[in-house]
């Protein structure tokens, strides 16, 4: 599980990877 200290969010690694890719494109 990925934990974001910035926003306190905890999400699955695979989901986080897709989010990171999405942010990198935008």
PDB file of N, CA and C in Angstrom:
ATOM      1  N   UNK A   1       0.844  -1.192   0.000  1.00  0.00           N
ATOM      2  CA  UNK A   1       0.000   0.000   0.000  1.00  0.00           C
ATOM      3  C   UNK A   1       0.879   1.240   0.000  1.00  0.00           C
ATOM      4  N   UNK A   2       0.522   2.201  -0.835  1.00  0.00           N
ATOM      5  CA  UNK A   2       1.250   3.466  -0.904  1.00  0.00           C
ATOM      6  C   UNK A   2       0.610   4.463   0.042  1.00  0.00           C
ATOM      7  N   UNK A   3       1.433   5.134   0.850  1.00  0.00           N
ATOM      8  CA  UNK A   3       0.913   6.154   1.767  1.00  0.00           C
ATOM      9  C   UNK A   3       1.496   7.503   1.403  1.00  0.00           C
ATOM     10  N   UNK A   4       0.622   8.458   1.129  1.00  0.00           N
ATOM     11  CA  UNK A   4       1.066   9.801   0.753  1.00  0.00           C
ATOM     12  C   UNK A   4       1.089  10.698   1.985  1.00  0.00           C
ATOM     13  N   UNK A   5       2.275  11.134   2.388  1.00  0.00           N
ATOM     14  CA  UNK A   5       2.395  12.015   3.554  1.00  0.00           C
ATOM     15  C   UNK A   5       1.799  13.391   3.269  1.00  0.00           C
ATOM     16  N   UNK A   6       1.786  13.787   1.997  1.00  0.00           N
ATOM     17  CA  UNK A   6       1.282  15.109   1.615  1.00  0.00           C
ATOM     18  C   UNK A   6      -0.223  15.218   1.845  1.00  0.00           C
ATOM     19  N   UNK A   7      -0.960  14.181   1.434  1.00  0.00           N
ATOM     20  CA  UNK A   7      -2.420  14.252   1.537  1.00  0.00           C
ATOM     21  C   UNK A   7      -2.998  13.218   2.496  1.00  0.00           C
ATOM     22  N   UNK A   8      -2.133  12.316   3.019  1.00  0.00           N
ATOM     23  CA  UNK A   8      -2.602  11.310   3.955  1.00  0.00           C
ATOM     24  C   UNK A   8      -3.371  10.180   3.281  1.00  0.00           C
ATOM     25  N   UNK A   9      -3.222  10.068   1.965  1.00  0.00           N
ATOM     26  CA  UNK A   9      -3.949   9.047   1.217  1.00  0.00           C
ATOM     27  C   UNK A   9      -3.207   7.726   1.228  1.00  0.00           C
ATOM     28  N   UNK A  10      -3.950   6.642   1.323  1.00  0.00           N
ATOM     29  CA  UNK A  10      -3.356   5.304   1.249  1.00  0.00           C
ATOM     30  C   UNK A  10      -4.032   4.551   0.119  1.00  0.00           C
ATOM     31  N   UNK A  11      -3.253   4.152  -0.884  1.00  0.00           N
ATOM     32  CA  UNK A  11      -3.824   3.462  -2.034  1.00  0.00           C
ATOM     33  C   UNK A  11      -2.954   2.305  -2.479  1.00  0.00           C
ATOM     34  N   UNK A  12      -3.545   1.436  -3.282  1.00  0.00           N
ATOM     35  CA  UNK A  12      -2.845   0.289  -3.836  1.00  0.00           C
ATOM     36  C   UNK A  12      -1.729   0.744  -4.773  1.00  0.00           C
ATOM     37  N   UNK A  13      -0.625   0.009  -4.797  1.00  0.00           N
ATOM     38  CA  UNK A  13       0.527   0.386  -5.618  1.00  0.00           C
ATOM     39  C   UNK A  13       0.192   0.478  -7.097  1.00  0.00           C
ATOM     40  N   UNK A  14      -0.592  -0.470  -7.597  1.00  0.00           N
ATOM     41  CA  UNK A  14      -0.934  -0.470  -9.018  1.00  0.00           C
ATOM     42  C   UNK A  14      -1.781   0.751  -9.366  1.00  0.00           C
ATOM     43  N   UNK A  15      -2.696   1.094  -8.480  1.00  0.00           N
ATOM     44  CA  UNK A  15      -3.516   2.276  -8.695  1.00  0.00           C
ATOM     45  C   UNK A  15      -2.643   3.517  -8.680  1.00  0.00           C
ATOM     46  N   UNK A  16      -1.714   3.578  -7.739  1.00  0.00           N
ATOM     47  CA  UNK A  16      -0.803   4.705  -7.638  1.00  0.00           C
ATOM     48  C   UNK A  16       0.033   4.850  -8.898  1.00  0.00           C
ATOM     49  N   UNK A  17       0.492   3.741  -9.456  1.00  0.00           N
ATOM     50  CA  UNK A  17       1.293   3.772 -10.674  1.00  0.00           C
ATOM     51  C   UNK A  17       0.497   4.396 -11.817  1.00  0.00           C
ATOM     52  N   UNK A  18      -0.765   4.029 -11.943  1.00  0.00           N
ATOM     53  CA  UNK A  18      -1.596   4.578 -13.012  1.00  0.00           C
ATOM     54  C   UNK A  18      -1.831   6.069 -12.800  1.00  0.00           C
ATOM     55  N   UNK A  19      -1.987   6.484 -11.553  1.00  0.00           N
ATOM     56  CA  UNK A  19      -2.169   7.898 -11.230  1.00  0.00           C
ATOM     57  C   UNK A  19      -0.905   8.678 -11.574  1.00  0.00           C
ATOM     58  N   UNK A  20       0.263   8.134 -11.227  1.00  0.00           N
ATOM     59  CA  UNK A  20       1.528   8.794 -11.534  1.00  0.00           C
ATOM     60  C   UNK A  20       1.702   8.967 -13.031  1.00  0.00           C
ATOM     61  N   UNK A  21       1.360   7.949 -13.804  1.00  0.00           N
ATOM     62  CA  UNK A  21       1.449   8.032 -15.260  1.00  0.00           C
ATOM     63  C   UNK A  21       0.506   9.112 -15.783  1.00  0.00           C
ATOM     64  N   UNK A  22      -0.680   9.169 -15.229  1.00  0.00           N
ATOM     65  CA  UNK A  22      -1.676  10.147 -15.649  1.00  0.00           C
ATOM     66  C   UNK A  22      -1.177  11.564 -15.371  1.00  0.00           C
ATOM     67  N   UNK A  23      -0.567  11.779 -14.219  1.00  0.00           N
ATOM     68  CA  UNK A  23      -0.058  13.096 -13.855  1.00  0.00           C
ATOM     69  C   UNK A  23       1.149  13.468 -14.705  1.00  0.00           C
ATOM     70  N   UNK A  24       1.958  12.488 -15.078  1.00  0.00           N
ATOM     71  CA  UNK A  24       3.147  12.744 -15.881  1.00  0.00           C
ATOM     72  C   UNK A  24       2.760  13.207 -17.282  1.00  0.00           C
ATOM     73  N   UNK A  25       1.654  12.678 -17.791  1.00  0.00           N
ATOM     74  CA  UNK A  25       1.186  13.046 -19.131  1.00  0.00           C
ATOM     75  C   UNK A  25       0.611  14.458 -19.133  1.00  0.00           C
ATOM     76  N   UNK A  26      -0.115  14.818 -18.091  1.00  0.00           N
ATOM     77  CA  UNK A  26      -0.771  16.121 -18.041  1.00  0.00           C
ATOM     78  C   UNK A  26       0.198  17.241 -17.690  1.00  0.00           C
TER      79      UNK A  26
END
